[in-house]
Amino acid sequence: MSTLDAAGRPGASLPLPRRLWAAAAVVLERPRFFIPFLVVLTSLGLWLDSLGGLGWQITLSVVAWAVLIAACVPLGPLDRSRVFVVVVVATIAELIFSALLGVYDYRLGNLPVFVPAGHGLVYLAGYRFSQTRIARVHPRIIVGIAIAGALGWGILGLTDWLGRVDVAGAMAVAVLVVFLIIGRAPVLYAGVFLF
């Protein structure tokens, strides 16, 4: 929980270190701050990863895990456990499809340690998006946009337009569309896709 002063500012009457923690709590708790923060962090992290070697990868992994852990602090036990399940399942899928089956590979030939944390952060982006006013007021439109985008991306992946044919991606899109149509939290799934 964040500490707000009488005017609603995060921790304005607190000493500087506590004000920084209070401001961080606001960013992590409020979708209108968390989602843009995560877009910038992800973009910067992927760009930095493309520039360096294993040292950068380790540094970015520490940052990704620190942000994921901090972002889970304001969550309740059920939501934290959901993030944990997402990270575990996604990590197993990464190991199966990348390391074992060779469907895709990573630039340095390893599974970067920031990838599992990244899956948790993408899930949290979808979760926070599902809490926004637009998602609550227009859930069918949001889900429709996600279905159209996913189908378009899946079809594009089946062509050679991107330089290769991605059958596995198209199959994943089919699974996503099923979840968007009959799943228990379609707006959350849409938010994950749209992120």
C-alpha atoms as a PDB file:
ATOM      1  CA  MET A   1       0.000   0.000   0.000  1.00  0.00           C
ATOM      2  CA  SER A   2       1.233   3.458  -0.804  1.00  0.00           C
ATOM      3  CA  THR A   3       1.385   6.334   1.658  1.00  0.00           C
ATOM      4  CA  LEU A   4      -0.418   9.452   0.419  1.00  0.00           C
ATOM      5  CA  ASP A   5      -0.529  12.884   2.008  1.00  0.00           C
ATOM      6  CA  ALA A   6      -3.721  14.944   2.402  1.00  0.00           C
ATOM      7  CA  ALA A   7      -3.457  16.170  -1.216  1.00  0.00           C
ATOM      8  CA  GLY A   8      -3.097  12.619  -2.554  1.00  0.00           C
ATOM      9  CA  ARG A   9       0.619  12.920  -3.348  1.00  0.00           C
ATOM     10  CA  PRO A  10       2.756   9.859  -2.625  1.00  0.00           C
ATOM     11  CA  GLY A  11       4.473  10.313   0.722  1.00  0.00           C
ATOM     12  CA  ALA A  12       5.049  14.077   0.382  1.00  0.00           C
ATOM     13  CA  SER A  13       5.678  14.508   4.123  1.00  0.00           C
ATOM     14  CA  LEU A  14       8.149  11.616   4.326  1.00  0.00           C
ATOM     15  CA  PRO A  15      11.968  11.776   4.145  1.00  0.00           C
ATOM     16  CA  LEU A  16      13.399  11.371   0.621  1.00  0.00           C
ATOM     17  CA  PRO A  17      14.120   7.588   0.717  1.00  0.00           C
ATOM     18  CA  ARG A  18      10.623   6.872   2.020  1.00  0.00           C
ATOM     19  CA  ARG A  19       9.138   9.256  -0.564  1.00  0.00           C
ATOM     20  CA  LEU A  20      10.921   7.318  -3.303  1.00  0.00           C
ATOM     21  CA  TRP A  21       9.498   4.044  -1.963  1.00  0.00           C
ATOM     22  CA  ALA A  22       6.034   5.616  -1.746  1.00  0.00           C
ATOM     23  CA  ALA A  23       6.307   6.877  -5.335  1.00  0.00           C
ATOM     24  CA  ALA A  24       7.467   3.432  -6.470  1.00  0.00           C
ATOM     25  CA  ALA A  25       4.463   1.885  -4.729  1.00  0.00           C
ATOM     26  CA  VAL A  26       2.141   4.209  -6.655  1.00  0.00           C
ATOM     27  CA  VAL A  27       3.793   3.232  -9.955  1.00  0.00           C
ATOM     28  CA  LEU A  28       3.498  -0.470  -9.137  1.00  0.00           C
ATOM     29  CA  GLU A  29      -0.110  -0.304  -7.906  1.00  0.00           C
ATOM     30  CA  ARG A  30      -1.794   1.987 -10.423  1.00  0.00           C
ATOM     31  CA  PRO A  31      -2.352   0.739 -13.975  1.00  0.00           C
ATOM     32  CA  ARG A  32      -1.996   4.203 -15.535  1.00  0.00           C
ATOM     33  CA  PHE A  33       1.575   4.348 -14.210  1.00  0.00           C
ATOM     34  CA  PHE A  34       2.543   0.667 -14.208  1.00  0.00           C
ATOM     35  CA  ILE A  35       1.788  -0.051 -17.865  1.00  0.00           C
ATOM     36  CA  PRO A  36       3.799   2.875 -19.327  1.00  0.00           C
ATOM     37  CA  PHE A  37       6.607   2.134 -16.850  1.00  0.00           C
ATOM     38  CA  LEU A  38       6.691  -1.464 -18.046  1.00  0.00           C
ATOM     39  CA  VAL A  39       6.621  -0.435 -21.728  1.00  0.00           C
ATOM     40  CA  VAL A  40       9.660   1.807 -21.172  1.00  0.00           C
ATOM     41  CA  LEU A  41      11.457  -0.770 -19.004  1.00  0.00           C
ATOM     42  CA  THR A  42      10.853  -3.593 -21.500  1.00  0.00           C
ATOM     43  CA  SER A  43      11.884  -1.504 -24.509  1.00  0.00           C
ATOM     44  CA  LEU A  44      15.026  -0.275 -22.777  1.00  0.00           C
ATOM     45  CA  GLY A  45      15.879  -3.742 -21.465  1.00  0.00           C
ATOM     46  CA  LEU A  46      15.511  -5.441 -24.850  1.00  0.00           C
ATOM     47  CA  TRP A  47      17.559  -2.709 -26.522  1.00  0.00           C
ATOM     48  CA  LEU A  48      20.328  -2.980 -23.919  1.00  0.00           C
ATOM     49  CA  ASP A  49      20.297  -6.770 -24.222  1.00  0.00           C
ATOM     50  CA  SER A  50      20.861  -6.470 -27.972  1.00  0.00           C
ATOM     51  CA  LEU A  51      24.029  -4.427 -27.351  1.00  0.00           C
ATOM     52  CA  GLY A  52      25.849  -6.617 -24.893  1.00  0.00           C
ATOM     53  CA  GLY A  53      26.882 -10.067 -23.924  1.00  0.00           C
ATOM     54  CA  LEU A  54      26.366 -12.251 -20.905  1.00  0.00           C
ATOM     55  CA  GLY A  55      27.275  -9.476 -18.452  1.00  0.00           C
ATOM     56  CA  TRP A  56      24.431  -7.276 -19.695  1.00  0.00           C
ATOM     57  CA  GLN A  57      22.111 -10.263 -19.632  1.00  0.00           C
ATOM     58  CA  ILE A  58      22.892 -10.927 -15.966  1.00  0.00           C
ATOM     59  CA  THR A  59      22.455  -7.251 -15.042  1.00  0.00           C
ATOM     60  CA  LEU A  60      19.129  -7.062 -16.877  1.00  0.00           C
ATOM     61  CA  SER A  61      18.029 -10.281 -15.198  1.00  0.00           C
ATOM     62  CA  VAL A  62      18.664  -8.815 -11.741  1.00  0.00           C
ATOM     63  CA  VAL A  63      16.650  -5.717 -12.681  1.00  0.00           C
ATOM     64  CA  ALA A  64      13.785  -7.762 -14.156  1.00  0.00           C
ATOM     65  CA  TRP A  65      13.520 -10.000 -11.099  1.00  0.00           C
ATOM     66  CA  ALA A  66      13.733  -7.019  -8.720  1.00  0.00           C
ATOM     67  CA  VAL A  67      10.912  -5.250 -10.568  1.00  0.00           C
ATOM     68  CA  LEU A  68       8.798  -8.426 -10.654  1.00  0.00           C
ATOM     69  CA  ILE A  69       9.253  -9.018  -6.925  1.00  0.00           C
ATOM     70  CA  ALA A  70       8.498  -5.365  -6.134  1.00  0.00           C
ATOM     71  CA  ALA A  71       5.423  -5.442  -8.392  1.00  0.00           C
ATOM     72  CA  CYS A  72       4.121  -8.479  -6.499  1.00  0.00           C
ATOM     73  CA  VAL A  73       4.397  -6.798  -3.077  1.00  0.00           C
ATOM     74  CA  PRO A  74       1.077  -4.889  -3.306  1.00  0.00           C
ATOM     75  CA  LEU A  75      -0.770  -7.961  -4.617  1.00  0.00           C
ATOM     76  CA  GLY A  76      -2.857 -10.260  -2.479  1.00  0.00           C
ATOM     77  CA  PRO A  77      -1.796 -13.881  -1.934  1.00  0.00           C
ATOM     78  CA  LEU A  78      -4.025 -15.237  -4.733  1.00  0.00           C
ATOM     79  CA  ASP A  79      -2.692 -12.799  -7.318  1.00  0.00           C
ATOM     80  CA  ARG A  80       0.907 -13.417  -6.228  1.00  0.00           C
ATOM     81  CA  SER A  81       0.350 -17.156  -6.610  1.00  0.00           C
ATOM     82  CA  ARG A  82      -1.019 -16.564 -10.123  1.00  0.00           C
ATOM     83  CA  VAL A  83       2.138 -14.664 -11.054  1.00  0.00           C
ATOM     84  CA  PHE A  84       4.198 -17.542  -9.641  1.00  0.00           C
ATOM     85  CA  VAL A  85       2.253 -20.095 -11.705  1.00  0.00           C
ATOM     86  CA  VAL A  86       2.689 -17.993 -14.857  1.00  0.00           C
ATOM     87  CA  VAL A  87       6.448 -17.777 -14.285  1.00  0.00           C
ATOM     88  CA  VAL A  88       6.780 -21.528 -13.636  1.00  0.00           C
ATOM     89  CA  VAL A  89       4.606 -22.617 -16.584  1.00  0.00           C
ATOM     90  CA  ALA A  90       6.231 -20.123 -18.967  1.00  0.00           C
ATOM     91  CA  THR A  91       9.710 -21.221 -17.882  1.00  0.00           C
ATOM     92  CA  ILE A  92       8.852 -24.872 -18.487  1.00  0.00           C
ATOM     93  CA  ALA A  93       7.417 -23.957 -21.908  1.00  0.00           C
ATOM     94  CA  GLU A  94      10.554 -21.931 -22.739  1.00  0.00           C
ATOM     95  CA  LEU A  95      12.779 -24.869 -21.817  1.00  0.00           C
ATOM     96  CA  ILE A  96      10.691 -27.336 -23.831  1.00  0.00           C
ATOM     97  CA  PHE A  97      10.227 -25.238 -26.965  1.00  0.00           C
ATOM     98  CA  SER A  98      13.622 -23.515 -27.019  1.00  0.00           C
ATOM     99  CA  ALA A  99      16.158 -25.824 -25.392  1.00  0.00           C
ATOM    100  CA  LEU A 100      14.563 -29.224 -26.012  1.00  0.00           C
ATOM    101  CA  LEU A 101      12.659 -28.921 -29.305  1.00  0.00           C
ATOM    102  CA  GLY A 102      14.646 -26.075 -30.857  1.00  0.00           C
ATOM    103  CA  VAL A 103      11.531 -24.275 -32.121  1.00  0.00           C
ATOM    104  CA  TYR A 104      13.397 -21.009 -31.494  1.00  0.00           C
ATOM    105  CA  ASP A 105      16.642 -19.935 -29.913  1.00  0.00           C
ATOM    106  CA  TYR A 106      18.056 -16.951 -28.097  1.00  0.00           C
ATOM    107  CA  ARG A 107      20.854 -14.706 -29.324  1.00  0.00           C
ATOM    108  CA  LEU A 108      23.508 -16.040 -26.913  1.00  0.00           C
ATOM    109  CA  GLY A 109      22.307 -19.642 -27.141  1.00  0.00           C
ATOM    110  CA  ASN A 110      20.939 -19.690 -23.595  1.00  0.00           C
ATOM    111  CA  LEU A 111      17.639 -18.982 -21.885  1.00  0.00           C
ATOM    112  CA  PRO A 112      18.232 -15.514 -20.412  1.00  0.00           C
ATOM    113  CA  VAL A 113      17.345 -15.437 -16.716  1.00  0.00           C
ATOM    114  CA  PHE A 114      15.275 -12.289 -17.314  1.00  0.00           C
ATOM    115  CA  VAL A 115      12.850 -14.184 -19.587  1.00  0.00           C
ATOM    116  CA  PRO A 116      10.889 -15.937 -16.789  1.00  0.00           C
ATOM    117  CA  ALA A 117      10.620 -12.646 -14.877  1.00  0.00           C
ATOM    118  CA  GLY A 118       9.565 -11.001 -18.128  1.00  0.00           C
ATOM    119  CA  HIS A 119       6.705 -13.458 -18.491  1.00  0.00           C
ATOM    120  CA  GLY A 120       5.545 -12.549 -14.995  1.00  0.00           C
ATOM    121  CA  LEU A 121       5.769  -8.836 -15.808  1.00  0.00           C
ATOM    122  CA  VAL A 122       3.809  -9.275 -19.053  1.00  0.00           C
ATOM    123  CA  TYR A 123       1.127 -11.124 -17.086  1.00  0.00           C
ATOM    124  CA  LEU A 124       1.060  -8.260 -14.573  1.00  0.00           C
ATOM    125  CA  ALA A 125       0.714  -5.771 -17.445  1.00  0.00           C
ATOM    126  CA  GLY A 126      -2.374  -7.673 -18.602  1.00  0.00           C
ATOM    127  CA  TYR A 127      -3.659  -7.855 -15.041  1.00  0.00           C
ATOM    128  CA  ARG A 128      -3.195  -4.117 -14.494  1.00  0.00           C
ATOM    129  CA  PHE A 129      -4.723  -3.394 -17.919  1.00  0.00           C
ATOM    130  CA  SER A 130      -7.817  -5.400 -16.934  1.00  0.00           C
ATOM    131  CA  GLN A 131      -8.217  -2.965 -14.014  1.00  0.00           C
ATOM    132  CA  THR A 132      -8.319   0.143 -16.227  1.00  0.00           C
ATOM    133  CA  ARG A 133     -11.514   2.049 -16.841  1.00  0.00           C
ATOM    134  CA  ILE A 134     -11.458   1.372 -20.587  1.00  0.00           C
ATOM    135  CA  ALA A 135     -11.123  -2.377 -20.008  1.00  0.00           C
ATOM    136  CA  ARG A 136     -13.982  -2.387 -17.488  1.00  0.00           C
ATOM    137  CA  VAL A 137     -16.286  -0.217 -19.637  1.00  0.00           C
ATOM    138  CA  HIS A 138     -15.526  -1.804 -23.040  1.00  0.00           C
ATOM    139  CA  PRO A 139     -14.471  -5.417 -22.410  1.00  0.00           C
ATOM    140  CA  ARG A 140     -16.005  -6.802 -25.621  1.00  0.00           C
ATOM    141  CA  ILE A 141     -14.273  -4.196 -27.759  1.00  0.00           C
ATOM    142  CA  ILE A 142     -10.928  -4.868 -26.059  1.00  0.00           C
ATOM    143  CA  VAL A 143     -11.305  -8.627 -26.527  1.00  0.00           C
ATOM    144  CA  GLY A 144     -12.417  -8.106 -30.145  1.00  0.00           C
ATOM    145  CA  ILE A 145      -9.344  -5.996 -30.864  1.00  0.00           C
ATOM    146  CA  ALA A 146      -7.132  -8.673 -29.310  1.00  0.00           C
ATOM    147  CA  ILE A 147      -8.800 -11.444 -31.345  1.00  0.00           C
ATOM    148  CA  ALA A 148      -8.425  -9.465 -34.583  1.00  0.00           C
ATOM    149  CA  GLY A 149      -4.808  -8.604 -33.792  1.00  0.00           C
ATOM    150  CA  ALA A 150      -3.934 -12.169 -32.805  1.00  0.00           C
ATOM    151  CA  LEU A 151      -5.562 -13.681 -35.888  1.00  0.00           C
ATOM    152  CA  GLY A 152      -3.845 -11.141 -38.130  1.00  0.00           C
ATOM    153  CA  TRP A 153      -0.486 -11.841 -36.505  1.00  0.00           C
ATOM    154  CA  GLY A 154      -1.031 -15.614 -36.737  1.00  0.00           C
ATOM    155  CA  ILE A 155      -1.957 -15.435 -40.420  1.00  0.00           C
ATOM    156  CA  LEU A 156       1.004 -13.157 -41.120  1.00  0.00           C
ATOM    157  CA  GLY A 157       3.233 -15.720 -39.415  1.00  0.00           C
ATOM    158  CA  LEU A 158       2.027 -18.403 -41.817  1.00  0.00           C
ATOM    159  CA  THR A 159       3.226 -16.372 -44.791  1.00  0.00           C
ATOM    160  CA  ASP A 160       6.851 -15.814 -45.686  1.00  0.00           C
ATOM    161  CA  TRP A 161       6.385 -12.046 -45.412  1.00  0.00           C
ATOM    162  CA  LEU A 162       8.379 -11.848 -42.151  1.00  0.00           C
ATOM    163  CA  GLY A 163      11.248 -13.873 -43.612  1.00  0.00           C
ATOM    164  CA  ARG A 164      10.176 -17.219 -42.171  1.00  0.00           C
ATOM    165  CA  VAL A 165       7.033 -19.265 -41.606  1.00  0.00           C
ATOM    166  CA  ASP A 166       5.959 -19.564 -37.956  1.00  0.00           C
ATOM    167  CA  VAL A 167       3.585 -22.508 -37.613  1.00  0.00           C
ATOM    168  CA  ALA A 168       4.187 -22.806 -33.853  1.00  0.00           C
ATOM    169  CA  GLY A 169       3.221 -19.149 -33.422  1.00  0.00           C
ATOM    170  CA  ALA A 170       0.029 -19.677 -35.424  1.00  0.00           C
ATOM    171  CA  MET A 171      -0.855 -22.639 -33.205  1.00  0.00           C
ATOM    172  CA  ALA A 172      -0.257 -20.493 -30.107  1.00  0.00           C
ATOM    173  CA  VAL A 173      -2.535 -17.821 -31.603  1.00  0.00           C
ATOM    174  CA  ALA A 174      -5.285 -20.431 -32.042  1.00  0.00           C
ATOM    175  CA  VAL A 175      -4.995 -21.369 -28.358  1.00  0.00           C
ATOM    176  CA  LEU A 176      -5.044 -17.693 -27.343  1.00  0.00           C
ATOM    177  CA  VAL A 177      -8.180 -17.029 -29.405  1.00  0.00           C
ATOM    178  CA  VAL A 178      -9.951 -19.952 -27.726  1.00  0.00           C
ATOM    179  CA  PHE A 179      -9.063 -18.491 -24.321  1.00  0.00           C
ATOM    180  CA  LEU A 180     -10.182 -15.031 -25.449  1.00  0.00           C
ATOM    181  CA  ILE A 181     -13.566 -16.479 -26.441  1.00  0.00           C
ATOM    182  CA  ILE A 182     -14.284 -18.963 -23.646  1.00  0.00           C
ATOM    183  CA  GLY A 183     -11.690 -18.214 -20.959  1.00  0.00           C
ATOM    184  CA  ARG A 184     -12.474 -17.015 -17.437  1.00  0.00           C
ATOM    185  CA  ALA A 185     -10.557 -13.723 -17.764  1.00  0.00           C
ATOM    186  CA  PRO A 186     -10.654 -12.673 -21.437  1.00  0.00           C
ATOM    187  CA  VAL A 187      -9.826  -9.007 -20.759  1.00  0.00           C
ATOM    188  CA  LEU A 188      -6.714 -10.039 -18.825  1.00  0.00           C
ATOM    189  CA  TYR A 189      -5.658 -12.329 -21.704  1.00  0.00           C
ATOM    190  CA  ALA A 190      -6.336  -9.488 -24.148  1.00  0.00           C
ATOM    191  CA  GLY A 191      -4.170  -7.178 -22.053  1.00  0.00           C
ATOM    192  CA  VAL A 192      -1.334  -9.707 -22.076  1.00  0.00           C
ATOM    193  CA  PHE A 193      -1.553 -10.001 -25.867  1.00  0.00           C
ATOM    194  CA  LEU A 194      -1.829  -6.262 -26.447  1.00  0.00           C
ATOM    195  CA  PHE A 195       1.182  -5.580 -24.223  1.00  0.00           C
END
